[in-house]
Amino acid sequence: MIPIKDVNQSRLVRFLRKISVILTLAIVGWFPLSAYGFEILLGTGEPGSFSYFTGRMICRVINSHVDGVQCEPKPSSDDVHILTNIQGGSLDIGLVDSRMFQDAVNKMGYFEFLDISYDNLRVLMPLYAVPVTLVARTDAGIASINDLKGKRINMGAPRSPEHLAVETILNAKSWSETDFSLVQ
């Protein structure tokens, strides 16, 4: 004859197993599961920007050629926002200007006073270079880049790709803004 204590204990063990299975199924059923095995959140510039268009095209290629992966572009207001969200984990990858990335890693510019380390971020691949087009009137007397010295120039908005490209040109020519009659 089996002792009553062992019978009650085996009933309790079976009951606990059933409850654990029921709870597990309830929890799994309560939270929706993704239909995709892996999701990529790609940080881009604002809708209408070249960065957003490029991000959409990258996600379109990934979604149509890689099974089990869903890529979604996430527009952001600027590169600082994208880099900070990649570092924080809310974005997986992002399209940012290489100079902005360099500033983040070296704690310069917008990142000088942020208490965030960007040392663990890496460049996956460069996508495009910023083209620079110098435009001058025919009667301005400008035939080459050297003829710009002493003239009026527009460098673009501060920290914009255009402004950073003009700064690169000025550094390469060892010029400063004082070498021009007006810098806008």
C-alpha atoms as a PDB file:
ATOM      1  CA  MET A   1       0.000   0.000   0.000  1.00  0.00           C
ATOM      2  CA  ILE A   2       1.252   3.528  -0.911  1.00  0.00           C
ATOM      3  CA  PRO A   3       1.407   5.976   1.982  1.00  0.00           C
ATOM      4  CA  ILE A   4      -1.069   8.901   1.816  1.00  0.00           C
ATOM      5  CA  LYS A   5       1.756  11.427   2.131  1.00  0.00           C
ATOM      6  CA  ASP A   6       3.392  10.193  -1.143  1.00  0.00           C
ATOM      7  CA  VAL A   7       0.046  10.259  -2.994  1.00  0.00           C
ATOM      8  CA  ASN A   8      -0.651  13.857  -1.951  1.00  0.00           C
ATOM      9  CA  GLN A   9       2.884  14.906  -2.840  1.00  0.00           C
ATOM     10  CA  SER A  10       2.658  13.374  -6.359  1.00  0.00           C
ATOM     11  CA  ARG A  11      -0.718  15.121  -6.905  1.00  0.00           C
ATOM     12  CA  LEU A  12       0.856  18.412  -5.864  1.00  0.00           C
ATOM     13  CA  VAL A  13       3.779  17.909  -8.279  1.00  0.00           C
ATOM     14  CA  ARG A  14       1.379  17.117 -11.176  1.00  0.00           C
ATOM     15  CA  PHE A  15      -0.742  20.136 -10.285  1.00  0.00           C
ATOM     16  CA  LEU A  16       2.303  22.442 -10.235  1.00  0.00           C
ATOM     17  CA  ARG A  17       3.461  21.104 -13.616  1.00  0.00           C
ATOM     18  CA  LYS A  18       0.024  21.736 -15.122  1.00  0.00           C
ATOM     19  CA  ILE A  19      -0.087  25.251 -13.662  1.00  0.00           C
ATOM     20  CA  SER A  20       3.409  26.079 -14.983  1.00  0.00           C
ATOM     21  CA  VAL A  21       2.451  24.892 -18.490  1.00  0.00           C
ATOM     22  CA  ILE A  22      -0.804  26.876 -18.385  1.00  0.00           C
ATOM     23  CA  LEU A  23       0.993  30.026 -17.168  1.00  0.00           C
ATOM     24  CA  THR A  24       3.677  29.681 -19.821  1.00  0.00           C
ATOM     25  CA  LEU A  25       1.073  29.339 -22.585  1.00  0.00           C
ATOM     26  CA  ALA A  26      -0.875  32.296 -21.191  1.00  0.00           C
ATOM     27  CA  ILE A  27       2.216  34.527 -21.098  1.00  0.00           C
ATOM     28  CA  VAL A  28       3.298  33.544 -24.612  1.00  0.00           C
ATOM     29  CA  GLY A  29      -0.242  34.076 -25.910  1.00  0.00           C
ATOM     30  CA  TRP A  30      -0.571  37.396 -24.114  1.00  0.00           C
ATOM     31  CA  PHE A  31       2.435  39.027 -25.832  1.00  0.00           C
ATOM     32  CA  PRO A  32       2.339  39.128 -29.639  1.00  0.00           C
ATOM     33  CA  LEU A  33       5.312  37.563 -31.342  1.00  0.00           C
ATOM     34  CA  SER A  34       6.927  39.090 -34.402  1.00  0.00           C
ATOM     35  CA  ALA A  35       6.400  37.306 -37.686  1.00  0.00           C
ATOM     36  CA  TYR A  36      10.028  38.010 -38.489  1.00  0.00           C
ATOM     37  CA  GLY A  37      13.000  36.364 -36.884  1.00  0.00           C
ATOM     38  CA  PHE A  38      15.040  39.558 -36.802  1.00  0.00           C
ATOM     39  CA  GLU A  39      14.204  43.248 -37.070  1.00  0.00           C
ATOM     40  CA  ILE A  40      16.606  46.030 -38.084  1.00  0.00           C
ATOM     41  CA  LEU A  41      15.791  49.627 -37.143  1.00  0.00           C
ATOM     42  CA  LEU A  42      17.731  51.950 -39.465  1.00  0.00           C
ATOM     43  CA  GLY A  43      18.095  55.583 -38.354  1.00  0.00           C
ATOM     44  CA  THR A  44      17.848  58.110 -41.194  1.00  0.00           C
ATOM     45  CA  GLY A  45      17.354  61.816 -41.712  1.00  0.00           C
ATOM     46  CA  GLU A  46      13.942  63.423 -41.942  1.00  0.00           C
ATOM     47  CA  PRO A  47      11.461  62.315 -44.638  1.00  0.00           C
ATOM     48  CA  GLY A  48      12.309  63.994 -47.911  1.00  0.00           C
ATOM     49  CA  SER A  49      16.053  64.003 -47.219  1.00  0.00           C
ATOM     50  CA  PHE A  50      18.610  62.055 -49.206  1.00  0.00           C
ATOM     51  CA  SER A  51      19.425  60.057 -46.064  1.00  0.00           C
ATOM     52  CA  TYR A  52      15.793  58.962 -45.660  1.00  0.00           C
ATOM     53  CA  PHE A  53      15.526  57.985 -49.331  1.00  0.00           C
ATOM     54  CA  THR A  54      18.776  56.001 -49.070  1.00  0.00           C
ATOM     55  CA  GLY A  55      17.579  54.278 -45.877  1.00  0.00           C
ATOM     56  CA  ARG A  56      14.309  53.294 -47.533  1.00  0.00           C
ATOM     57  CA  MET A  57      16.185  51.803 -50.494  1.00  0.00           C
ATOM     58  CA  ILE A  58      18.554  49.857 -48.218  1.00  0.00           C
ATOM     59  CA  CYS A  59      15.602  48.461 -46.246  1.00  0.00           C
ATOM     60  CA  ARG A  60      13.767  47.587 -49.458  1.00  0.00           C
ATOM     61  CA  VAL A  61      16.756  45.550 -50.670  1.00  0.00           C
ATOM     62  CA  ILE A  62      17.159  43.818 -47.296  1.00  0.00           C
ATOM     63  CA  ASN A  63      13.444  43.023 -47.023  1.00  0.00           C
ATOM     64  CA  SER A  64      13.227  41.583 -50.534  1.00  0.00           C
ATOM     65  CA  HIS A  65      16.447  39.547 -50.465  1.00  0.00           C
ATOM     66  CA  VAL A  66      16.887  38.308 -46.889  1.00  0.00           C
ATOM     67  CA  ASP A  67      14.375  35.864 -45.412  1.00  0.00           C
ATOM     68  CA  GLY A  68      13.410  36.275 -41.773  1.00  0.00           C
ATOM     69  CA  VAL A  69      14.689  39.855 -41.550  1.00  0.00           C
ATOM     70  CA  GLN A  70      12.546  42.984 -41.516  1.00  0.00           C
ATOM     71  CA  CYS A  71      14.282  46.347 -41.985  1.00  0.00           C
ATOM     72  CA  GLU A  72      12.450  49.564 -41.167  1.00  0.00           C
ATOM     73  CA  PRO A  73      13.779  53.119 -41.670  1.00  0.00           C
ATOM     74  CA  LYS A  74      13.269  55.392 -38.662  1.00  0.00           C
ATOM     75  CA  PRO A  75      13.478  59.111 -39.481  1.00  0.00           C
ATOM     76  CA  SER A  76      15.294  61.346 -36.990  1.00  0.00           C
ATOM     77  CA  SER A  77      15.789  65.071 -36.664  1.00  0.00           C
ATOM     78  CA  ASP A  78      19.591  64.978 -36.869  1.00  0.00           C
ATOM     79  CA  ASP A  79      22.753  62.869 -36.690  1.00  0.00           C
ATOM     80  CA  VAL A  80      23.237  63.509 -32.964  1.00  0.00           C
ATOM     81  CA  HIS A  81      19.852  61.900 -32.319  1.00  0.00           C
ATOM     82  CA  ILE A  82      20.714  58.922 -34.528  1.00  0.00           C
ATOM     83  CA  LEU A  83      24.123  58.317 -32.923  1.00  0.00           C
ATOM     84  CA  THR A  84      22.751  58.675 -29.399  1.00  0.00           C
ATOM     85  CA  ASN A  85      19.931  56.208 -30.144  1.00  0.00           C
ATOM     86  CA  ILE A  86      22.347  53.699 -31.675  1.00  0.00           C
ATOM     87  CA  GLN A  87      24.520  53.980 -28.574  1.00  0.00           C
ATOM     88  CA  GLY A  88      21.460  53.608 -26.345  1.00  0.00           C
ATOM     89  CA  GLY A  89      20.192  50.560 -28.238  1.00  0.00           C
ATOM     90  CA  SER A  90      16.929  51.902 -29.660  1.00  0.00           C
ATOM     91  CA  LEU A  91      18.376  51.873 -33.206  1.00  0.00           C
ATOM     92  CA  ASP A  92      20.457  49.090 -34.742  1.00  0.00           C
ATOM     93  CA  ILE A  93      22.269  51.058 -37.452  1.00  0.00           C
ATOM     94  CA  GLY A  94      22.112  54.575 -38.845  1.00  0.00           C
ATOM     95  CA  LEU A  95      23.039  56.768 -41.762  1.00  0.00           C
ATOM     96  CA  VAL A  96      25.118  59.659 -40.439  1.00  0.00           C
ATOM     97  CA  ASP A  97      27.657  62.098 -41.804  1.00  0.00           C
ATOM     98  CA  SER A  98      31.181  60.747 -41.301  1.00  0.00           C
ATOM     99  CA  ARG A  99      32.355  64.024 -39.776  1.00  0.00           C
ATOM    100  CA  MET A 100      29.558  63.913 -37.229  1.00  0.00           C
ATOM    101  CA  PHE A 101      30.593  60.342 -36.379  1.00  0.00           C
ATOM    102  CA  GLN A 102      34.194  61.491 -35.984  1.00  0.00           C
ATOM    103  CA  ASP A 103      33.060  64.310 -33.681  1.00  0.00           C
ATOM    104  CA  ALA A 104      31.098  61.813 -31.562  1.00  0.00           C
ATOM    105  CA  VAL A 105      34.031  59.438 -31.148  1.00  0.00           C
ATOM    106  CA  ASN A 106      36.464  62.315 -30.391  1.00  0.00           C
ATOM    107  CA  LYS A 107      33.991  64.265 -28.169  1.00  0.00           C
ATOM    108  CA  MET A 108      34.113  67.402 -30.330  1.00  0.00           C
ATOM    109  CA  GLY A 109      31.468  69.781 -31.678  1.00  0.00           C
ATOM    110  CA  TYR A 110      27.954  68.865 -30.530  1.00  0.00           C
ATOM    111  CA  PHE A 111      29.345  65.957 -28.509  1.00  0.00           C
ATOM    112  CA  GLU A 112      31.885  67.937 -26.481  1.00  0.00           C
ATOM    113  CA  PHE A 113      29.716  68.188 -23.373  1.00  0.00           C
ATOM    114  CA  LEU A 114      27.735  64.948 -23.671  1.00  0.00           C
ATOM    115  CA  ASP A 115      28.622  62.358 -21.072  1.00  0.00           C
ATOM    116  CA  ILE A 116      28.193  59.492 -23.523  1.00  0.00           C
ATOM    117  CA  SER A 117      30.987  57.346 -24.927  1.00  0.00           C
ATOM    118  CA  TYR A 118      30.712  56.412 -28.592  1.00  0.00           C
ATOM    119  CA  ASP A 119      33.876  54.276 -28.619  1.00  0.00           C
ATOM    120  CA  ASN A 120      32.014  51.023 -29.341  1.00  0.00           C
ATOM    121  CA  LEU A 121      30.418  52.284 -32.595  1.00  0.00           C
ATOM    122  CA  ARG A 122      31.977  51.289 -35.915  1.00  0.00           C
ATOM    123  CA  VAL A 123      31.672  52.431 -39.524  1.00  0.00           C
ATOM    124  CA  LEU A 124      30.084  49.663 -41.584  1.00  0.00           C
ATOM    125  CA  MET A 125      30.592  51.239 -44.989  1.00  0.00           C
ATOM    126  CA  PRO A 126      30.723  54.644 -46.633  1.00  0.00           C
ATOM    127  CA  LEU A 127      27.787  55.192 -48.985  1.00  0.00           C
ATOM    128  CA  TYR A 128      28.515  58.455 -50.754  1.00  0.00           C
ATOM    129  CA  ALA A 129      30.750  61.494 -50.657  1.00  0.00           C
ATOM    130  CA  VAL A 130      29.415  65.031 -50.331  1.00  0.00           C
ATOM    131  CA  PRO A 131      29.741  66.612 -53.771  1.00  0.00           C
ATOM    132  CA  VAL A 132      30.887  70.221 -53.859  1.00  0.00           C
ATOM    133  CA  THR A 133      29.978  72.492 -56.735  1.00  0.00           C
ATOM    134  CA  LEU A 134      31.564  75.911 -56.932  1.00  0.00           C
ATOM    135  CA  VAL A 135      29.366  78.309 -58.872  1.00  0.00           C
ATOM    136  CA  ALA A 136      30.437  81.793 -59.961  1.00  0.00           C
ATOM    137  CA  ARG A 137      29.118  84.425 -62.358  1.00  0.00           C
ATOM    138  CA  THR A 138      31.078  84.835 -65.557  1.00  0.00           C
ATOM    139  CA  ASP A 139      31.842  88.471 -64.688  1.00  0.00           C
ATOM    140  CA  ALA A 140      33.065  87.639 -61.109  1.00  0.00           C
ATOM    141  CA  GLY A 141      36.663  87.102 -62.243  1.00  0.00           C
ATOM    142  CA  ILE A 142      36.836  83.597 -60.770  1.00  0.00           C
ATOM    143  CA  ALA A 143      38.417  80.976 -63.010  1.00  0.00           C
ATOM    144  CA  SER A 144      39.857  78.622 -60.359  1.00  0.00           C
ATOM    145  CA  ILE A 145      39.589  77.910 -56.648  1.00  0.00           C
ATOM    146  CA  ASN A 146      42.567  80.189 -55.971  1.00  0.00           C
ATOM    147  CA  ASP A 147      40.552  83.149 -57.316  1.00  0.00           C
ATOM    148  CA  LEU A 148      38.070  82.815 -54.430  1.00  0.00           C
ATOM    149  CA  LYS A 149      40.412  84.517 -51.966  1.00  0.00           C
ATOM    150  CA  GLY A 150      39.143  88.011 -51.155  1.00  0.00           C
ATOM    151  CA  LYS A 151      35.650  87.335 -52.575  1.00  0.00           C
ATOM    152  CA  ARG A 152      32.271  86.812 -50.892  1.00  0.00           C
ATOM    153  CA  ILE A 153      31.401  83.173 -50.158  1.00  0.00           C
ATOM    154  CA  ASN A 154      28.464  81.271 -48.700  1.00  0.00           C
ATOM    155  CA  MET A 155      29.560  78.310 -46.584  1.00  0.00           C
ATOM    156  CA  GLY A 156      26.067  76.932 -45.945  1.00  0.00           C
ATOM    157  CA  ALA A 157      24.390  76.446 -42.584  1.00  0.00           C
ATOM    158  CA  PRO A 158      26.719  75.815 -39.624  1.00  0.00           C
ATOM    159  CA  ARG A 159      27.485  72.082 -39.142  1.00  0.00           C
ATOM    160  CA  SER A 160      25.770  71.246 -42.437  1.00  0.00           C
ATOM    161  CA  PRO A 161      27.567  68.966 -44.922  1.00  0.00           C
ATOM    162  CA  GLU A 162      28.126  71.976 -47.174  1.00  0.00           C
ATOM    163  CA  HIS A 163      29.675  74.016 -44.356  1.00  0.00           C
ATOM    164  CA  LEU A 164      31.920  71.117 -43.342  1.00  0.00           C
ATOM    165  CA  ALA A 165      33.007  70.620 -46.975  1.00  0.00           C
ATOM    166  CA  VAL A 166      33.950  74.312 -47.305  1.00  0.00           C
ATOM    167  CA  GLU A 167      35.863  74.108 -44.009  1.00  0.00           C
ATOM    168  CA  THR A 168      37.806  71.173 -45.449  1.00  0.00           C
ATOM    169  CA  ILE A 169      38.671  73.217 -48.542  1.00  0.00           C
ATOM    170  CA  LEU A 170      39.734  76.199 -46.414  1.00  0.00           C
ATOM    171  CA  ASN A 171      41.950  73.965 -44.270  1.00  0.00           C
ATOM    172  CA  ALA A 172      43.524  72.372 -47.357  1.00  0.00           C
ATOM    173  CA  LYS A 173      44.319  75.838 -48.772  1.00  0.00           C
ATOM    174  CA  SER A 174      45.446  77.165 -45.334  1.00  0.00           C
ATOM    175  CA  TRP A 175      42.802  79.875 -45.558  1.00  0.00           C
ATOM    176  CA  SER A 176      40.597  81.313 -42.830  1.00  0.00           C
ATOM    177  CA  GLU A 177      37.326  83.229 -42.968  1.00  0.00           C
ATOM    178  CA  THR A 178      39.295  86.489 -42.683  1.00  0.00           C
ATOM    179  CA  ASP A 179      40.743  85.841 -46.157  1.00  0.00           C
ATOM    180  CA  PHE A 180      37.333  86.659 -47.681  1.00  0.00           C
ATOM    181  CA  SER A 181      35.445  89.947 -47.956  1.00  0.00           C
ATOM    182  CA  LEU A 182      32.238  88.327 -46.639  1.00  0.00           C
ATOM    183  CA  VAL A 183      31.426  84.861 -45.308  1.00  0.00           C
ATOM    184  CA  GLN A 184      27.750  83.930 -45.001  1.00  0.00           C
END
